[in-house]
Every structure is written in C-alpha cells, then in structure tokens.
Amino acid sequence: MRTESYQQFAVVKNDQASLFEGELNRRIKELRGKSPQVKFDGLTAYISYIENNTIPESIGDEYELSGVCFRCEQCPHFRPVLKADGTPDNRISWGYCDNAPNDLGRTYKDSRACDRLFEEIREGRIGLCFRG
C-alpha cells in the first residue's frame, strides 16, 4: 500500500470577529488530523493542510482498506508446527506455507496473509463463517 500526500487550502472570512472566530475554530477542529497551518489577513484566514490518499497495491491492500485483515495462522494453507502427539505447538511463532516468501516455506503466524488467500476468497474457493 502506498500513500500520496498533497496540500489543500481552505479560506475562512467574515466581517464580524465573533463569527469569524467561531468558523475558524470549527474548520481547524475539522482539519486537526491534517496538520493545519493558518495565515491571517485581517478577518480572513488562509488554512493550508495536508490531505493523504491511500492507494492499494494488491488485493490484500484492498481488503485491509475495507477493514478486513487476516493473519497467516487464519489461512487454510497455513500448517502449524506439530508436537509429537499431533497437536499444534503453540510455543512456536511460525508455521509452514507453500506461499511463504522465503525458500524455507516458513511464515510467522501473525504475518499478514498473502494475496493468495484474498484471491481465493474473492473467487469463492474459500468461504468465511462468523462465530457468534
């Protein structure tokens, strides 16, 4: 995912000081997370601020922007390390996956799931169930 930033401007103007002050404070509050900077010319305020635009670069990024984020351990392709009795060894923070980004075929449980999972969800090959 990448983010583009660009500068934007807003102008607040009023002939009455009390109305000007209220409008300026309202606009500054609206823009508080965007690094607003104000310059004055009498009862005119020029507000410059930074607007950020997040651009998805993969299908996983698209899902994450909509609030859906999966970890490798939640994927059906993830295979945890097993103990001698065949149960997952929860002391180990990694597991196996054929889609792992390294030659060892290992990935961390809490790594963001790769695009293969999201592609299979989109294609309907993997279904999701919600637990109540």
N, C-alpha and C. Protein backbone atom coordinates (compact mmCIF):
# COMPACT_ATOMS: atom_id res chain seq x y z
N MET A 1 0.85 -1.15 0.00
CA MET A 1 0.00 0.00 0.00
C MET A 1 0.91 1.23 0.00
N ARG A 2 0.49 2.25 -0.71
CA ARG A 2 1.26 3.48 -0.70
C ARG A 2 0.34 4.65 -0.42
N THR A 3 0.93 5.72 0.06
CA THR A 3 0.17 6.90 0.42
C THR A 3 0.69 8.10 -0.35
N GLU A 4 -0.21 8.82 -0.96
CA GLU A 4 0.13 10.08 -1.63
C GLU A 4 -0.35 11.21 -0.74
N SER A 5 0.48 12.23 -0.60
CA SER A 5 0.11 13.40 0.19
C SER A 5 0.14 14.63 -0.71
N TYR A 6 -0.83 15.51 -0.51
CA TYR A 6 -0.86 16.74 -1.28
C TYR A 6 -1.47 17.85 -0.42
N GLN A 7 -1.10 19.07 -0.74
CA GLN A 7 -1.54 20.21 0.04
C GLN A 7 -2.90 20.71 -0.46
N GLN A 8 -3.75 21.09 0.47
CA GLN A 8 -5.06 21.65 0.18
C GLN A 8 -5.19 22.96 0.95
N PHE A 9 -6.20 23.75 0.57
CA PHE A 9 -6.41 25.04 1.21
C PHE A 9 -7.88 25.25 1.53
N ALA A 10 -8.10 26.01 2.58
CA ALA A 10 -9.45 26.44 2.96
C ALA A 10 -9.34 27.91 3.36
N VAL A 11 -10.37 28.66 3.08
CA VAL A 11 -10.39 30.09 3.43
C VAL A 11 -11.60 30.35 4.30
N VAL A 12 -11.35 31.05 5.39
CA VAL A 12 -12.43 31.47 6.29
C VAL A 12 -12.43 33.00 6.30
N LYS A 13 -13.60 33.58 6.05
CA LYS A 13 -13.70 35.04 6.01
C LYS A 13 -15.04 35.46 6.58
N ASN A 14 -15.01 36.50 7.40
CA ASN A 14 -16.23 37.06 7.95
C ASN A 14 -15.95 38.47 8.43
N ASP A 15 -16.94 39.34 8.34
CA ASP A 15 -16.76 40.73 8.76
C ASP A 15 -16.93 40.91 10.26
N GLN A 16 -17.55 39.95 10.93
CA GLN A 16 -17.76 40.03 12.37
C GLN A 16 -16.75 39.13 13.07
N ALA A 17 -16.01 39.70 14.00
CA ALA A 17 -14.94 38.97 14.68
C ALA A 17 -15.43 37.71 15.39
N SER A 18 -16.56 37.80 16.06
CA SER A 18 -17.06 36.63 16.82
C SER A 18 -17.47 35.50 15.88
N LEU A 19 -18.10 35.84 14.75
CA LEU A 19 -18.48 34.81 13.78
C LEU A 19 -17.24 34.23 13.09
N PHE A 20 -16.28 35.09 12.81
CA PHE A 20 -15.02 34.67 12.21
C PHE A 20 -14.30 33.68 13.11
N GLU A 21 -14.22 34.02 14.39
CA GLU A 21 -13.54 33.16 15.36
C GLU A 21 -14.21 31.79 15.45
N GLY A 22 -15.54 31.78 15.53
CA GLY A 22 -16.26 30.51 15.62
C GLY A 22 -16.07 29.64 14.39
N GLU A 23 -16.16 30.24 13.20
CA GLU A 23 -15.98 29.49 11.96
C GLU A 23 -14.55 28.98 11.82
N LEU A 24 -13.57 29.82 12.19
CA LEU A 24 -12.17 29.40 12.11
C LEU A 24 -11.91 28.23 13.05
N ASN A 25 -12.38 28.31 14.28
CA ASN A 25 -12.19 27.22 15.24
C ASN A 25 -12.86 25.93 14.76
N ARG A 26 -14.05 26.06 14.15
CA ARG A 26 -14.74 24.87 13.63
C ARG A 26 -13.92 24.22 12.52
N ARG A 27 -13.39 25.02 11.59
CA ARG A 27 -12.59 24.48 10.48
C ARG A 27 -11.29 23.85 10.98
N ILE A 28 -10.64 24.49 11.94
CA ILE A 28 -9.39 23.94 12.49
C ILE A 28 -9.68 22.61 13.18
N LYS A 29 -10.80 22.52 13.88
CA LYS A 29 -11.17 21.26 14.55
C LYS A 29 -11.43 20.17 13.51
N GLU A 30 -12.11 20.50 12.41
CA GLU A 30 -12.36 19.54 11.33
C GLU A 30 -11.06 19.01 10.73
N LEU A 31 -10.08 19.89 10.63
CA LEU A 31 -8.83 19.56 9.95
C LEU A 31 -7.71 19.15 10.92
N ARG A 32 -8.02 18.91 12.18
CA ARG A 32 -6.99 18.72 13.20
C ARG A 32 -6.03 17.56 12.92
N GLY A 33 -6.45 16.54 12.22
CA GLY A 33 -5.55 15.43 11.92
C GLY A 33 -4.77 15.61 10.63
N LYS A 34 -4.86 16.80 10.04
CA LYS A 34 -4.26 17.03 8.73
C LYS A 34 -3.22 18.15 8.76
N SER A 35 -2.64 18.39 9.93
CA SER A 35 -1.57 19.39 10.11
C SER A 35 -1.95 20.77 9.58
N PRO A 36 -3.06 21.36 10.04
CA PRO A 36 -3.45 22.68 9.52
C PRO A 36 -2.49 23.78 9.97
N GLN A 37 -2.25 24.71 9.06
CA GLN A 37 -1.46 25.90 9.36
C GLN A 37 -2.26 27.10 8.87
N VAL A 38 -2.29 28.16 9.69
CA VAL A 38 -3.14 29.30 9.39
C VAL A 38 -2.31 30.56 9.19
N LYS A 39 -2.68 31.32 8.17
CA LYS A 39 -2.13 32.66 7.95
C LYS A 39 -3.30 33.63 7.91
N PHE A 40 -3.09 34.80 8.51
CA PHE A 40 -4.18 35.77 8.63
C PHE A 40 -3.93 37.00 7.77
N ASP A 41 -5.03 37.55 7.30
CA ASP A 41 -5.04 38.85 6.63
C ASP A 41 -6.31 39.54 7.10
N GLY A 42 -6.21 40.24 8.20
CA GLY A 42 -7.39 40.85 8.82
C GLY A 42 -8.34 39.78 9.31
N LEU A 43 -9.60 39.84 8.87
CA LEU A 43 -10.59 38.83 9.26
C LEU A 43 -10.74 37.76 8.17
N THR A 44 -9.64 37.47 7.52
CA THR A 44 -9.58 36.37 6.56
C THR A 44 -8.47 35.43 7.00
N ALA A 45 -8.77 34.16 7.06
CA ALA A 45 -7.78 33.16 7.43
C ALA A 45 -7.58 32.19 6.27
N TYR A 46 -6.32 31.97 5.95
CA TYR A 46 -5.96 31.02 4.90
C TYR A 46 -5.38 29.79 5.59
N ILE A 47 -6.08 28.69 5.45
CA ILE A 47 -5.67 27.45 6.12
C ILE A 47 -5.09 26.51 5.07
N SER A 48 -3.86 26.08 5.30
CA SER A 48 -3.29 25.04 4.43
C SER A 48 -3.20 23.77 5.26
N TYR A 49 -3.46 22.65 4.62
CA TYR A 49 -3.43 21.37 5.31
C TYR A 49 -3.01 20.27 4.34
N ILE A 50 -2.65 19.14 4.90
CA ILE A 50 -2.17 18.01 4.10
C ILE A 50 -3.27 16.97 3.99
N GLU A 51 -3.57 16.57 2.79
CA GLU A 51 -4.55 15.51 2.52
C GLU A 51 -3.76 14.27 2.12
N ASN A 52 -4.10 13.14 2.71
CA ASN A 52 -3.44 11.87 2.39
C ASN A 52 -4.41 10.95 1.66
N ASN A 53 -3.92 10.31 0.63
CA ASN A 53 -4.72 9.38 -0.14
C ASN A 53 -4.00 8.03 -0.14
N THR A 54 -4.63 7.02 0.41
CA THR A 54 -4.04 5.70 0.48
C THR A 54 -4.45 4.90 -0.75
N ILE A 55 -3.46 4.35 -1.42
CA ILE A 55 -3.70 3.63 -2.67
C ILE A 55 -3.31 2.16 -2.50
N PRO A 56 -4.28 1.25 -2.67
CA PRO A 56 -3.95 -0.16 -2.54
C PRO A 56 -3.09 -0.63 -3.72
N GLU A 57 -2.13 -1.50 -3.43
CA GLU A 57 -1.27 -2.03 -4.48
C GLU A 57 -1.46 -3.52 -4.69
N SER A 58 -2.35 -4.11 -3.91
CA SER A 58 -2.63 -5.53 -4.05
C SER A 58 -4.05 -5.81 -3.58
N ILE A 59 -4.51 -7.02 -3.83
CA ILE A 59 -5.86 -7.39 -3.39
C ILE A 59 -5.93 -7.41 -1.86
N GLY A 60 -4.84 -7.80 -1.20
CA GLY A 60 -4.79 -7.77 0.26
C GLY A 60 -4.93 -6.36 0.80
N ASP A 61 -4.31 -5.39 0.10
CA ASP A 61 -4.43 -3.99 0.49
C ASP A 61 -5.88 -3.52 0.36
N GLU A 62 -6.56 -3.94 -0.70
CA GLU A 62 -7.96 -3.55 -0.90
C GLU A 62 -8.82 -4.04 0.26
N TYR A 63 -8.62 -5.30 0.66
CA TYR A 63 -9.38 -5.85 1.77
C TYR A 63 -9.06 -5.10 3.07
N GLU A 64 -7.77 -4.81 3.29
CA GLU A 64 -7.37 -4.14 4.52
C GLU A 64 -7.98 -2.73 4.60
N LEU A 65 -8.06 -2.03 3.48
CA LEU A 65 -8.68 -0.71 3.48
C LEU A 65 -10.16 -0.77 3.84
N SER A 66 -10.80 -1.89 3.54
CA SER A 66 -12.21 -2.03 3.91
C SER A 66 -12.39 -2.63 5.31
N GLY A 67 -11.26 -2.81 6.02
CA GLY A 67 -11.33 -3.27 7.41
C GLY A 67 -11.15 -4.76 7.60
N VAL A 68 -10.84 -5.49 6.54
CA VAL A 68 -10.67 -6.94 6.64
C VAL A 68 -9.19 -7.26 6.61
N CYS A 69 -8.71 -7.85 7.69
CA CYS A 69 -7.29 -8.18 7.77
C CYS A 69 -7.15 -9.59 8.34
N PHE A 70 -6.50 -10.46 7.60
CA PHE A 70 -6.27 -11.82 8.05
C PHE A 70 -4.79 -12.04 8.28
N ARG A 71 -4.48 -12.92 9.20
CA ARG A 71 -3.11 -13.31 9.51
C ARG A 71 -2.88 -14.71 8.96
N CYS A 72 -1.61 -15.05 8.76
CA CYS A 72 -1.27 -16.35 8.17
C CYS A 72 -1.91 -17.51 8.94
N GLU A 73 -1.91 -17.44 10.25
CA GLU A 73 -2.45 -18.56 11.03
C GLU A 73 -3.96 -18.74 10.81
N GLN A 74 -4.64 -17.76 10.23
CA GLN A 74 -6.07 -17.87 9.96
C GLN A 74 -6.35 -18.45 8.57
N CYS A 75 -5.31 -18.68 7.81
CA CYS A 75 -5.45 -19.16 6.43
C CYS A 75 -5.45 -20.69 6.40
N PRO A 76 -6.27 -21.30 5.56
CA PRO A 76 -6.28 -22.77 5.47
C PRO A 76 -5.00 -23.36 4.88
N HIS A 77 -4.18 -22.55 4.25
CA HIS A 77 -2.91 -23.03 3.69
C HIS A 77 -1.80 -23.08 4.74
N PHE A 78 -2.01 -22.43 5.88
CA PHE A 78 -1.02 -22.40 6.96
C PHE A 78 -1.03 -23.74 7.69
N ARG A 79 0.15 -24.30 7.88
CA ARG A 79 0.30 -25.56 8.61
C ARG A 79 1.18 -25.31 9.84
N PRO A 80 0.60 -25.38 11.03
CA PRO A 80 1.40 -25.12 12.24
C PRO A 80 2.39 -26.25 12.50
N VAL A 81 3.42 -25.92 13.26
CA VAL A 81 4.37 -26.93 13.71
C VAL A 81 3.64 -27.80 14.72
N LEU A 82 3.78 -29.11 14.57
CA LEU A 82 3.05 -30.04 15.44
C LEU A 82 3.97 -30.66 16.48
N LYS A 83 3.40 -30.94 17.65
CA LYS A 83 4.12 -31.67 18.70
C LYS A 83 4.06 -33.16 18.37
N ALA A 84 4.74 -33.96 19.15
CA ALA A 84 4.79 -35.41 18.92
C ALA A 84 3.41 -36.04 18.96
N ASP A 85 2.48 -35.46 19.74
CA ASP A 85 1.14 -36.03 19.83
C ASP A 85 0.21 -35.56 18.71
N GLY A 86 0.73 -34.74 17.79
CA GLY A 86 -0.05 -34.30 16.64
C GLY A 86 -0.83 -33.01 16.84
N THR A 87 -0.73 -32.41 18.01
CA THR A 87 -1.42 -31.14 18.26
C THR A 87 -0.48 -29.98 17.93
N PRO A 88 -1.05 -28.81 17.58
CA PRO A 88 -0.20 -27.66 17.26
C PRO A 88 0.66 -27.24 18.46
N ASP A 89 1.91 -26.92 18.19
CA ASP A 89 2.83 -26.44 19.22
C ASP A 89 2.70 -24.92 19.30
N ASN A 90 1.92 -24.44 20.26
CA ASN A 90 1.63 -23.01 20.37
C ASN A 90 2.80 -22.20 20.90
N ARG A 91 3.88 -22.86 21.28
CA ARG A 91 5.07 -22.14 21.74
C ARG A 91 5.86 -21.57 20.56
N ILE A 92 5.62 -22.11 19.38
CA ILE A 92 6.37 -21.71 18.18
C ILE A 92 5.57 -20.67 17.41
N SER A 93 6.24 -19.59 17.01
CA SER A 93 5.56 -18.46 16.39
C SER A 93 5.49 -18.52 14.87
N TRP A 94 5.86 -19.62 14.28
CA TRP A 94 5.83 -19.74 12.82
C TRP A 94 5.21 -21.05 12.41
N GLY A 95 4.97 -21.20 11.13
CA GLY A 95 4.42 -22.43 10.58
C GLY A 95 4.84 -22.54 9.13
N TYR A 96 4.28 -23.52 8.46
CA TYR A 96 4.66 -23.79 7.07
C TYR A 96 3.56 -23.32 6.10
N CYS A 97 4.00 -22.85 4.94
CA CYS A 97 3.08 -22.47 3.89
C CYS A 97 3.81 -22.53 2.56
N ASP A 98 3.14 -23.08 1.55
CA ASP A 98 3.75 -23.16 0.22
C ASP A 98 3.90 -21.77 -0.41
N ASN A 99 3.18 -20.78 0.11
CA ASN A 99 3.24 -19.42 -0.43
C ASN A 99 4.18 -18.52 0.36
N ALA A 100 4.93 -19.08 1.28
CA ALA A 100 5.83 -18.27 2.12
C ALA A 100 6.84 -17.54 1.24
N PRO A 101 7.18 -16.32 1.64
CA PRO A 101 8.08 -15.51 0.81
C PRO A 101 9.56 -15.89 0.92
N ASN A 102 9.86 -17.04 1.49
CA ASN A 102 11.26 -17.45 1.59
C ASN A 102 11.43 -18.88 1.09
N ASP A 103 12.65 -19.32 0.96
CA ASP A 103 12.93 -20.66 0.43
C ASP A 103 12.65 -21.78 1.43
N LEU A 104 12.48 -21.43 2.68
CA LEU A 104 12.24 -22.44 3.71
C LEU A 104 10.78 -22.87 3.79
N GLY A 105 9.89 -22.11 3.18
CA GLY A 105 8.46 -22.42 3.25
C GLY A 105 7.87 -22.10 4.61
N ARG A 106 8.50 -21.17 5.33
CA ARG A 106 8.04 -20.79 6.66
C ARG A 106 7.49 -19.37 6.65
N THR A 107 6.50 -19.16 7.52
CA THR A 107 5.95 -17.82 7.71
C THR A 107 5.55 -17.68 9.17
N TYR A 108 5.57 -16.47 9.66
CA TYR A 108 5.13 -16.23 11.03
C TYR A 108 3.61 -16.27 11.10
N LYS A 109 3.10 -16.77 12.22
CA LYS A 109 1.66 -16.87 12.43
C LYS A 109 0.97 -15.51 12.27
N ASP A 110 1.62 -14.47 12.81
CA ASP A 110 0.97 -13.15 12.82
C ASP A 110 1.33 -12.28 11.62
N SER A 111 1.97 -12.85 10.60
CA SER A 111 2.21 -12.10 9.37
C SER A 111 0.89 -11.87 8.66
N ARG A 112 0.81 -10.78 7.90
CA ARG A 112 -0.40 -10.54 7.12
C ARG A 112 -0.50 -11.61 6.05
N ALA A 113 -1.69 -12.14 5.88
CA ALA A 113 -1.91 -13.20 4.90
C ALA A 113 -1.56 -12.69 3.50
N CYS A 114 -1.06 -13.59 2.68
CA CYS A 114 -0.66 -13.21 1.32
C CYS A 114 -1.90 -13.07 0.42
N ASP A 115 -1.66 -12.58 -0.77
CA ASP A 115 -2.76 -12.32 -1.69
C ASP A 115 -3.48 -13.59 -2.15
N ARG A 116 -2.83 -14.74 -2.04
CA ARG A 116 -3.49 -15.97 -2.46
C ARG A 116 -4.78 -16.19 -1.67
N LEU A 117 -4.74 -15.95 -0.36
CA LEU A 117 -5.94 -16.12 0.46
C LEU A 117 -7.05 -15.20 -0.03
N PHE A 118 -6.73 -13.94 -0.27
CA PHE A 118 -7.75 -12.97 -0.68
C PHE A 118 -8.29 -13.27 -2.08
N GLU A 119 -7.41 -13.75 -2.95
CA GLU A 119 -7.86 -14.15 -4.29
C GLU A 119 -8.84 -15.32 -4.21
N GLU A 120 -8.53 -16.29 -3.35
CA GLU A 120 -9.41 -17.45 -3.20
C GLU A 120 -10.74 -17.08 -2.53
N ILE A 121 -10.71 -16.11 -1.63
CA ILE A 121 -11.95 -15.62 -1.03
C ILE A 121 -12.80 -14.95 -2.10
N ARG A 122 -12.17 -14.09 -2.90
CA ARG A 122 -12.88 -13.37 -3.96
C ARG A 122 -13.45 -14.33 -5.00
N GLU A 123 -12.71 -15.39 -5.31
CA GLU A 123 -13.16 -16.36 -6.31
C GLU A 123 -14.18 -17.35 -5.77
N GLY A 124 -14.40 -17.33 -4.45
CA GLY A 124 -15.36 -18.23 -3.83
C GLY A 124 -14.82 -19.61 -3.50
N ARG A 125 -13.51 -19.82 -3.65
CA ARG A 125 -12.91 -21.11 -3.30
C ARG A 125 -12.70 -21.27 -1.82
N ILE A 126 -12.69 -20.15 -1.09
CA ILE A 126 -12.61 -20.17 0.38
C ILE A 126 -13.81 -19.39 0.87
N GLY A 127 -14.58 -20.00 1.77
CA GLY A 127 -15.74 -19.34 2.35
C GLY A 127 -15.44 -18.91 3.77
N LEU A 128 -16.12 -17.89 4.22
CA LEU A 128 -15.94 -17.39 5.57
C LEU A 128 -17.17 -17.68 6.40
N CYS A 129 -16.95 -18.02 7.65
CA CYS A 129 -18.04 -18.27 8.60
C CYS A 129 -17.81 -17.38 9.81
N PHE A 130 -18.88 -16.80 10.31
CA PHE A 130 -18.79 -15.98 11.50
C PHE A 130 -19.27 -16.77 12.70
N ARG A 131 -18.48 -16.69 13.76
CA ARG A 131 -18.88 -17.36 15.00
C ARG A 131 -19.61 -16.37 15.88
N GLY A 132 -20.67 -16.84 16.51
CA GLY A 132 -21.50 -15.95 17.35
C GLY A 132 -21.06 -15.86 18.75
